[in-house]
């Protein structure tokens, strides 16, 4: 999860939002293919059709904003694998442990934070120490953290 989020942020930093969204779309077919290869899990035609329609919709909405550079594109491609693995592992953990979304988050968040702290100097140099910590900036970070929590919670609810 730490690699997934860190690489996603780097991808967004070096690519346009449209290219970031296109890379994000690529995570879903990667999950479907990986689960088929690893777990022989099949997806119904109805789900494949729905996923294809949503993916095409996002692609059409963002196709005019596909600016990227080589480094950003490499990061985006590298981000797809850990993101897919993260979602597969979360889903398997939640289903095998019969955990609620909040229970899953409670069990995985401490280790994720630990790895975030280790990876932060590598993924976001110069990082924490050079940031301008004003009340406004700190408030924006706290609100972003709240939205991040709600996003993870909704993702865990969907995966479960």
Protein backbone atom coordinates (compact mmCIF):
# COMPACT_ATOMS: atom_id res chain seq x y z
CA UNK A 1 0.00 0.00 0.00
CA UNK A 2 2.86 2.36 0.80
CA UNK A 3 4.48 1.80 -2.60
CA UNK A 4 1.14 2.11 -4.33
CA UNK A 5 0.30 5.46 -2.76
CA UNK A 6 3.84 6.82 -2.97
CA UNK A 7 4.24 5.94 -6.64
CA UNK A 8 0.76 7.31 -7.39
CA UNK A 9 1.74 10.65 -5.86
CA UNK A 10 5.00 10.75 -7.83
CA UNK A 11 3.12 9.88 -11.01
CA UNK A 12 0.68 12.71 -10.39
CA UNK A 13 3.57 15.08 -9.69
CA UNK A 14 5.28 14.31 -13.01
CA UNK A 15 2.28 13.71 -15.29
CA UNK A 16 -0.93 15.51 -16.12
CA UNK A 17 -4.10 14.51 -14.32
CA UNK A 18 -5.36 12.92 -17.54
CA UNK A 19 -2.33 10.66 -17.88
CA UNK A 20 -2.58 9.81 -14.17
CA UNK A 21 -6.23 8.80 -14.68
CA UNK A 22 -5.31 6.68 -17.71
CA UNK A 23 -2.70 4.84 -15.63
CA UNK A 24 -5.27 4.42 -12.87
CA UNK A 25 -7.68 2.84 -15.36
CA UNK A 26 -5.00 0.27 -16.23
CA UNK A 27 -5.07 -1.03 -12.64
CA UNK A 28 -8.50 -2.65 -13.07
CA UNK A 29 -7.62 -4.94 -16.02
CA UNK A 30 -4.37 -5.76 -14.22
CA UNK A 31 -6.35 -6.91 -11.18
CA UNK A 32 -8.71 -8.98 -13.31
CA UNK A 33 -5.83 -10.60 -15.20
CA UNK A 34 -3.80 -11.27 -12.03
CA UNK A 35 -6.74 -12.81 -10.20
CA UNK A 36 -7.48 -15.00 -13.21
CA UNK A 37 -3.85 -16.16 -13.46
CA UNK A 38 -3.20 -16.58 -9.74
CA UNK A 39 -6.59 -17.65 -8.39
CA UNK A 40 -8.44 -18.86 -11.51
CA UNK A 41 -11.07 -16.27 -10.64
CA UNK A 42 -13.41 -15.48 -13.49
CA UNK A 43 -15.36 -12.28 -14.04
CA UNK A 44 -18.85 -12.32 -15.47
CA UNK A 45 -19.51 -10.75 -18.85
CA UNK A 46 -21.77 -8.23 -17.12
CA UNK A 47 -18.91 -7.04 -14.86
CA UNK A 48 -16.43 -6.94 -17.74
CA UNK A 49 -18.88 -4.85 -19.77
CA UNK A 50 -19.46 -2.49 -16.85
CA UNK A 51 -15.73 -2.09 -16.22
CA UNK A 52 -15.10 -1.49 -19.92
CA UNK A 53 -17.80 1.19 -20.12
CA UNK A 54 -16.47 2.98 -17.03
CA UNK A 55 -12.89 2.76 -18.31
CA UNK A 56 -13.85 4.13 -21.72
CA UNK A 57 -15.80 6.93 -20.02
CA UNK A 58 -12.81 7.99 -17.95
CA UNK A 59 -10.54 7.68 -20.97
CA UNK A 60 -12.81 9.90 -23.08
CA UNK A 61 -13.10 12.45 -20.27
CA UNK A 62 -9.33 12.72 -19.83
CA UNK A 63 -7.97 12.10 -23.34
CA UNK A 64 -7.38 15.82 -23.96
CA UNK A 65 -5.01 16.04 -20.99
CA UNK A 66 -2.34 13.43 -21.68
CA UNK A 67 0.86 15.35 -21.03
CA UNK A 68 3.67 13.25 -19.57
CA UNK A 69 7.41 12.86 -19.54
CA UNK A 70 9.45 9.65 -19.74
CA UNK A 71 10.21 9.55 -16.02
CA UNK A 72 6.56 10.18 -15.12
CA UNK A 73 5.40 7.49 -17.56
CA UNK A 74 7.85 4.97 -16.07
CA UNK A 75 6.62 5.78 -12.57
CA UNK A 76 3.01 5.42 -13.71
CA UNK A 77 3.73 1.98 -15.20
CA UNK A 78 5.64 0.96 -12.07
CA UNK A 79 2.69 2.11 -9.94
CA UNK A 80 0.17 -0.18 -11.66
CA UNK A 81 1.60 -3.44 -10.24
CA UNK A 82 1.78 -2.47 -6.54
CA UNK A 83 -1.64 -0.86 -6.82
CA UNK A 84 -3.18 -4.05 -8.24
CA UNK A 85 -1.37 -6.21 -5.67
CA UNK A 86 -2.58 -3.92 -2.89
CA UNK A 87 -6.21 -4.24 -3.94
CA UNK A 88 -5.97 -8.01 -4.40
CA UNK A 89 -4.37 -8.49 -0.98
CA UNK A 90 -6.89 -6.20 0.72
CA UNK A 91 -9.77 -8.09 -0.85
CA UNK A 92 -8.33 -11.49 0.09
CA UNK A 93 -7.54 -10.39 3.65
CA UNK A 94 -10.99 -8.96 4.14
CA UNK A 95 -12.78 -11.99 2.72
CA UNK A 96 -10.60 -14.67 4.34
CA UNK A 97 -10.61 -12.98 7.74
CA UNK A 98 -14.28 -12.06 7.43
CA UNK A 99 -13.33 -8.54 8.52
CA UNK A 100 -15.35 -5.38 8.19
CA UNK A 101 -13.80 -2.52 6.25
CA UNK A 102 -12.83 -0.70 9.45
CA UNK A 103 -11.33 -3.86 10.97
CA UNK A 104 -9.19 -4.32 7.86
CA UNK A 105 -8.02 -0.71 8.07
CA UNK A 106 -7.31 -1.07 11.79
CA UNK A 107 -5.10 -4.09 11.11
CA UNK A 108 -3.24 -2.73 8.08
CA UNK A 109 -2.85 1.00 8.73
CA UNK A 110 -0.10 0.86 11.41
CA UNK A 111 2.26 -1.15 9.19
CA UNK A 112 1.40 1.05 6.22
CA UNK A 113 2.27 4.19 8.20
CA UNK A 114 5.54 2.59 9.28
CA UNK A 115 6.53 1.94 5.65
CA UNK A 116 5.32 5.39 4.60
CA UNK A 117 7.72 6.91 7.12
CA UNK A 118 10.57 4.79 5.76
CA UNK A 119 9.76 5.56 2.13
CA UNK A 120 8.98 9.26 2.55
CA UNK A 121 12.60 10.49 2.18
CA UNK A 122 12.95 8.45 -1.02
CA UNK A 123 9.57 9.21 -2.57
CA UNK A 124 9.24 12.86 -1.55
CA UNK A 125 12.59 14.55 -1.14
CA UNK A 126 13.24 16.99 0.51
CA UNK A 127 9.91 16.30 2.17
CA UNK A 128 8.67 16.99 5.65
CA UNK A 129 11.38 19.26 7.01
CA UNK A 130 11.35 21.81 4.20
CA UNK A 131 7.55 22.16 4.08
CA UNK A 132 6.04 25.51 5.06
CA UNK A 133 3.93 24.45 8.07
CA UNK A 134 1.39 27.27 8.34
CA UNK A 135 -2.05 26.87 9.89
CA UNK A 136 -3.64 27.01 6.42
CA UNK A 137 -1.30 24.36 4.98
CA UNK A 138 -1.64 22.12 8.04
CA UNK A 139 -5.44 22.40 7.89
CA UNK A 140 -5.40 21.46 4.20
CA UNK A 141 -3.27 18.41 5.03
CA UNK A 142 -5.63 17.35 7.82
CA UNK A 143 -8.66 17.71 5.55
CA UNK A 144 -6.81 15.75 2.86
CA UNK A 145 -6.01 13.06 5.42
CA UNK A 146 -9.69 12.85 6.35
CA UNK A 147 -10.65 12.47 2.70
CA UNK A 148 -7.88 9.87 2.28
CA UNK A 149 -9.31 7.90 5.18
CA UNK A 150 -12.81 8.08 3.71
CA UNK A 151 -11.46 7.00 0.33
CA UNK A 152 -9.66 4.01 1.83
CA UNK A 153 -12.75 3.10 3.83
CA UNK A 154 -14.98 3.23 0.76
CA UNK A 155 -12.41 1.15 -1.15
CA UNK A 156 -12.38 -1.46 1.61
CA UNK A 157 -16.18 -1.50 1.62
CA UNK A 158 -16.20 -2.06 -2.16
CA UNK A 159 -13.52 -4.75 -2.06
CA UNK A 160 -15.25 -6.61 0.75
